[in-house]
Amino acid sequence: MIKVTHFNGRQLAINAELIQFVESTPDTVITLTTKEKILVRESVDEVIRRVIEYRRLIFSPMNSKAGNVEGKR
């Protein structure tokens, strides 16, 4: 999930796996695979940055220094 700000100021968490594309019209519109469109305050570049950050977190090796919970005992 990534956090974004709906155009009305409300905070939303969106499933990043459902994002089909992000466009600037000139406002930023996120289109989901369900065809739902969400107008957000973040720029296209910021939404992309958050998706990349999410994917790095999800796909990082479990035994990396940052993710190794057992090593912190």
N, C-alpha and C. Protein backbone atom coordinates (compact mmCIF):
# COMPACT_ATOMS: atom_id res chain seq x y z
N MET A 1 0.84 -1.18 0.00
CA MET A 1 0.00 0.00 0.00
C MET A 1 0.89 1.24 0.00
N ILE A 2 0.42 2.26 -0.70
CA ILE A 2 1.09 3.56 -0.65
C ILE A 2 0.09 4.59 -0.15
N LYS A 3 0.59 5.57 0.58
CA LYS A 3 -0.27 6.65 1.07
C LYS A 3 -0.24 7.80 0.08
N VAL A 4 -1.41 8.33 -0.22
CA VAL A 4 -1.55 9.51 -1.08
C VAL A 4 -2.61 10.41 -0.47
N THR A 5 -2.67 11.63 -0.97
CA THR A 5 -3.67 12.59 -0.51
C THR A 5 -4.69 12.81 -1.61
N HIS A 6 -5.93 12.45 -1.32
CA HIS A 6 -7.02 12.68 -2.27
C HIS A 6 -7.11 14.18 -2.51
N PHE A 7 -7.63 14.58 -3.64
CA PHE A 7 -7.71 16.00 -3.99
C PHE A 7 -8.50 16.80 -2.96
N ASN A 8 -9.41 16.13 -2.23
CA ASN A 8 -10.21 16.83 -1.20
C ASN A 8 -9.47 16.93 0.14
N GLY A 9 -8.21 16.45 0.19
CA GLY A 9 -7.40 16.54 1.40
C GLY A 9 -7.41 15.30 2.27
N ARG A 10 -8.24 14.35 1.97
CA ARG A 10 -8.35 13.10 2.73
C ARG A 10 -7.16 12.19 2.42
N GLN A 11 -6.59 11.56 3.45
CA GLN A 11 -5.49 10.61 3.26
C GLN A 11 -6.05 9.26 2.82
N LEU A 12 -5.39 8.66 1.84
CA LEU A 12 -5.80 7.35 1.33
C LEU A 12 -4.60 6.41 1.30
N ALA A 13 -4.85 5.14 1.45
CA ALA A 13 -3.85 4.11 1.22
C ALA A 13 -4.34 3.30 0.02
N ILE A 14 -3.52 3.25 -1.01
CA ILE A 14 -3.90 2.58 -2.26
C ILE A 14 -3.02 1.35 -2.44
N ASN A 15 -3.62 0.26 -2.88
CA ASN A 15 -2.86 -0.94 -3.20
C ASN A 15 -2.03 -0.66 -4.45
N ALA A 16 -0.72 -0.55 -4.28
CA ALA A 16 0.17 -0.21 -5.39
C ALA A 16 0.13 -1.26 -6.50
N GLU A 17 -0.23 -2.48 -6.16
CA GLU A 17 -0.29 -3.55 -7.16
C GLU A 17 -1.46 -3.36 -8.13
N LEU A 18 -2.43 -2.53 -7.75
CA LEU A 18 -3.60 -2.31 -8.60
C LEU A 18 -3.48 -1.08 -9.49
N ILE A 19 -2.36 -0.36 -9.40
CA ILE A 19 -2.20 0.84 -10.22
C ILE A 19 -1.89 0.42 -11.66
N GLN A 20 -2.74 0.85 -12.57
CA GLN A 20 -2.53 0.57 -13.99
C GLN A 20 -1.67 1.66 -14.62
N PHE A 21 -2.02 2.93 -14.36
CA PHE A 21 -1.17 4.03 -14.81
C PHE A 21 -1.48 5.29 -14.02
N VAL A 22 -0.54 6.25 -14.11
CA VAL A 22 -0.66 7.54 -13.45
C VAL A 22 -0.46 8.59 -14.51
N GLU A 23 -1.34 9.59 -14.54
CA GLU A 23 -1.23 10.62 -15.56
C GLU A 23 -1.45 12.00 -14.97
N SER A 24 -0.93 13.00 -15.68
CA SER A 24 -1.11 14.39 -15.30
C SER A 24 -2.05 15.03 -16.31
N THR A 25 -3.18 15.58 -15.82
CA THR A 25 -4.22 16.05 -16.76
C THR A 25 -4.69 17.48 -16.56
N PRO A 26 -4.16 18.47 -16.01
CA PRO A 26 -2.86 18.59 -15.36
C PRO A 26 -2.83 18.06 -13.94
N ASP A 27 -3.99 17.78 -13.32
CA ASP A 27 -3.99 17.17 -11.99
C ASP A 27 -3.56 15.72 -12.12
N THR A 28 -3.04 15.16 -11.04
CA THR A 28 -2.57 13.78 -11.07
C THR A 28 -3.75 12.83 -10.88
N VAL A 29 -3.90 11.91 -11.82
CA VAL A 29 -4.97 10.92 -11.77
C VAL A 29 -4.34 9.53 -11.76
N ILE A 30 -4.71 8.74 -10.75
CA ILE A 30 -4.26 7.34 -10.67
C ILE A 30 -5.42 6.49 -11.17
N THR A 31 -5.14 5.65 -12.16
CA THR A 31 -6.15 4.72 -12.67
C THR A 31 -5.78 3.32 -12.21
N LEU A 32 -6.72 2.66 -11.56
CA LEU A 32 -6.50 1.30 -11.07
C LEU A 32 -6.92 0.28 -12.12
N THR A 33 -6.50 -0.94 -11.94
CA THR A 33 -6.86 -2.01 -12.87
C THR A 33 -8.37 -2.26 -12.85
N THR A 34 -9.04 -1.79 -11.81
CA THR A 34 -10.50 -1.91 -11.71
C THR A 34 -11.21 -0.82 -12.50
N LYS A 35 -10.42 0.06 -13.15
CA LYS A 35 -10.88 1.22 -13.93
C LYS A 35 -11.30 2.40 -13.05
N GLU A 36 -11.20 2.25 -11.72
CA GLU A 36 -11.48 3.38 -10.82
C GLU A 36 -10.39 4.42 -10.99
N LYS A 37 -10.78 5.68 -11.00
CA LYS A 37 -9.83 6.79 -11.13
C LYS A 37 -9.82 7.57 -9.83
N ILE A 38 -8.61 7.92 -9.36
CA ILE A 38 -8.46 8.65 -8.12
C ILE A 38 -7.64 9.90 -8.39
N LEU A 39 -8.20 11.05 -8.08
CA LEU A 39 -7.52 12.34 -8.25
C LEU A 39 -6.75 12.63 -6.97
N VAL A 40 -5.42 12.82 -7.08
CA VAL A 40 -4.58 13.03 -5.90
C VAL A 40 -3.78 14.31 -6.02
N ARG A 41 -3.29 14.79 -4.87
CA ARG A 41 -2.51 16.03 -4.83
C ARG A 41 -1.04 15.81 -5.19
N GLU A 42 -0.53 14.61 -4.99
CA GLU A 42 0.88 14.33 -5.28
C GLU A 42 1.13 14.40 -6.79
N SER A 43 2.36 14.73 -7.15
CA SER A 43 2.74 14.75 -8.57
C SER A 43 2.89 13.31 -9.08
N VAL A 44 2.91 13.17 -10.39
CA VAL A 44 3.15 11.86 -11.01
C VAL A 44 4.48 11.30 -10.51
N ASP A 45 5.52 12.14 -10.50
CA ASP A 45 6.84 11.68 -10.05
C ASP A 45 6.82 11.20 -8.61
N GLU A 46 6.06 11.87 -7.74
CA GLU A 46 5.98 11.47 -6.34
C GLU A 46 5.24 10.14 -6.20
N VAL A 47 4.18 9.94 -6.95
CA VAL A 47 3.47 8.66 -6.90
C VAL A 47 4.40 7.54 -7.36
N ILE A 48 5.13 7.77 -8.43
CA ILE A 48 6.08 6.76 -8.93
C ILE A 48 7.13 6.46 -7.88
N ARG A 49 7.66 7.50 -7.23
CA ARG A 49 8.68 7.31 -6.19
C ARG A 49 8.13 6.44 -5.06
N ARG A 50 6.90 6.67 -4.66
CA ARG A 50 6.30 5.89 -3.58
C ARG A 50 6.07 4.44 -3.99
N VAL A 51 5.68 4.21 -5.23
CA VAL A 51 5.50 2.84 -5.72
C VAL A 51 6.84 2.11 -5.74
N ILE A 52 7.89 2.79 -6.22
CA ILE A 52 9.22 2.18 -6.24
C ILE A 52 9.68 1.86 -4.83
N GLU A 53 9.48 2.77 -3.90
CA GLU A 53 9.86 2.55 -2.49
C GLU A 53 9.10 1.35 -1.92
N TYR A 54 7.81 1.27 -2.21
CA TYR A 54 6.98 0.14 -1.76
C TYR A 54 7.52 -1.18 -2.31
N ARG A 55 7.81 -1.20 -3.60
CA ARG A 55 8.28 -2.44 -4.22
C ARG A 55 9.65 -2.85 -3.70
N ARG A 56 10.52 -1.89 -3.45
CA ARG A 56 11.83 -2.21 -2.87
C ARG A 56 11.65 -2.85 -1.50
N LEU A 57 10.73 -2.33 -0.71
CA LEU A 57 10.46 -2.88 0.61
C LEU A 57 9.89 -4.29 0.52
N ILE A 58 8.92 -4.48 -0.36
CA ILE A 58 8.25 -5.77 -0.50
C ILE A 58 9.19 -6.85 -1.05
N PHE A 59 10.01 -6.49 -2.02
CA PHE A 59 10.85 -7.48 -2.70
C PHE A 59 12.27 -7.56 -2.16
N SER A 60 12.58 -6.84 -1.07
CA SER A 60 13.92 -6.93 -0.51
C SER A 60 14.08 -8.28 0.18
N PRO A 61 15.29 -8.83 0.15
CA PRO A 61 15.52 -10.13 0.80
C PRO A 61 15.20 -10.06 2.30
N MET A 62 14.59 -11.09 2.82
CA MET A 62 14.21 -11.13 4.23
C MET A 62 15.43 -11.11 5.15
N ASN A 63 16.56 -11.60 4.69
CA ASN A 63 17.74 -11.69 5.54
C ASN A 63 18.69 -10.53 5.36
N SER A 64 18.26 -9.46 4.72
CA SER A 64 19.13 -8.29 4.60
C SER A 64 19.29 -7.65 5.96
N LYS A 65 20.32 -6.85 6.13
CA LYS A 65 20.56 -6.21 7.42
C LYS A 65 19.37 -5.38 7.87
N ALA A 66 18.72 -4.69 6.94
CA ALA A 66 17.58 -3.85 7.30
C ALA A 66 16.36 -4.67 7.69
N GLY A 67 16.20 -5.85 7.10
CA GLY A 67 15.00 -6.63 7.34
C GLY A 67 15.19 -7.83 8.24
N ASN A 68 16.39 -8.04 8.77
CA ASN A 68 16.68 -9.21 9.58
C ASN A 68 16.24 -8.98 11.02
N VAL A 69 15.02 -9.37 11.34
CA VAL A 69 14.48 -9.18 12.68
C VAL A 69 15.18 -10.08 13.67
N GLU A 70 15.51 -11.32 13.27
CA GLU A 70 16.16 -12.26 14.17
C GLU A 70 17.51 -11.76 14.64
N GLY A 71 18.23 -11.05 13.78
CA GLY A 71 19.55 -10.54 14.13
C GLY A 71 19.52 -9.44 15.17
N LYS A 72 18.34 -8.93 15.50
CA LYS A 72 18.23 -7.83 16.45
C LYS A 72 17.95 -8.32 17.87
N ARG A 73 17.93 -9.62 18.09
CA ARG A 73 17.64 -10.16 19.43
C ARG A 73 18.75 -9.88 20.39
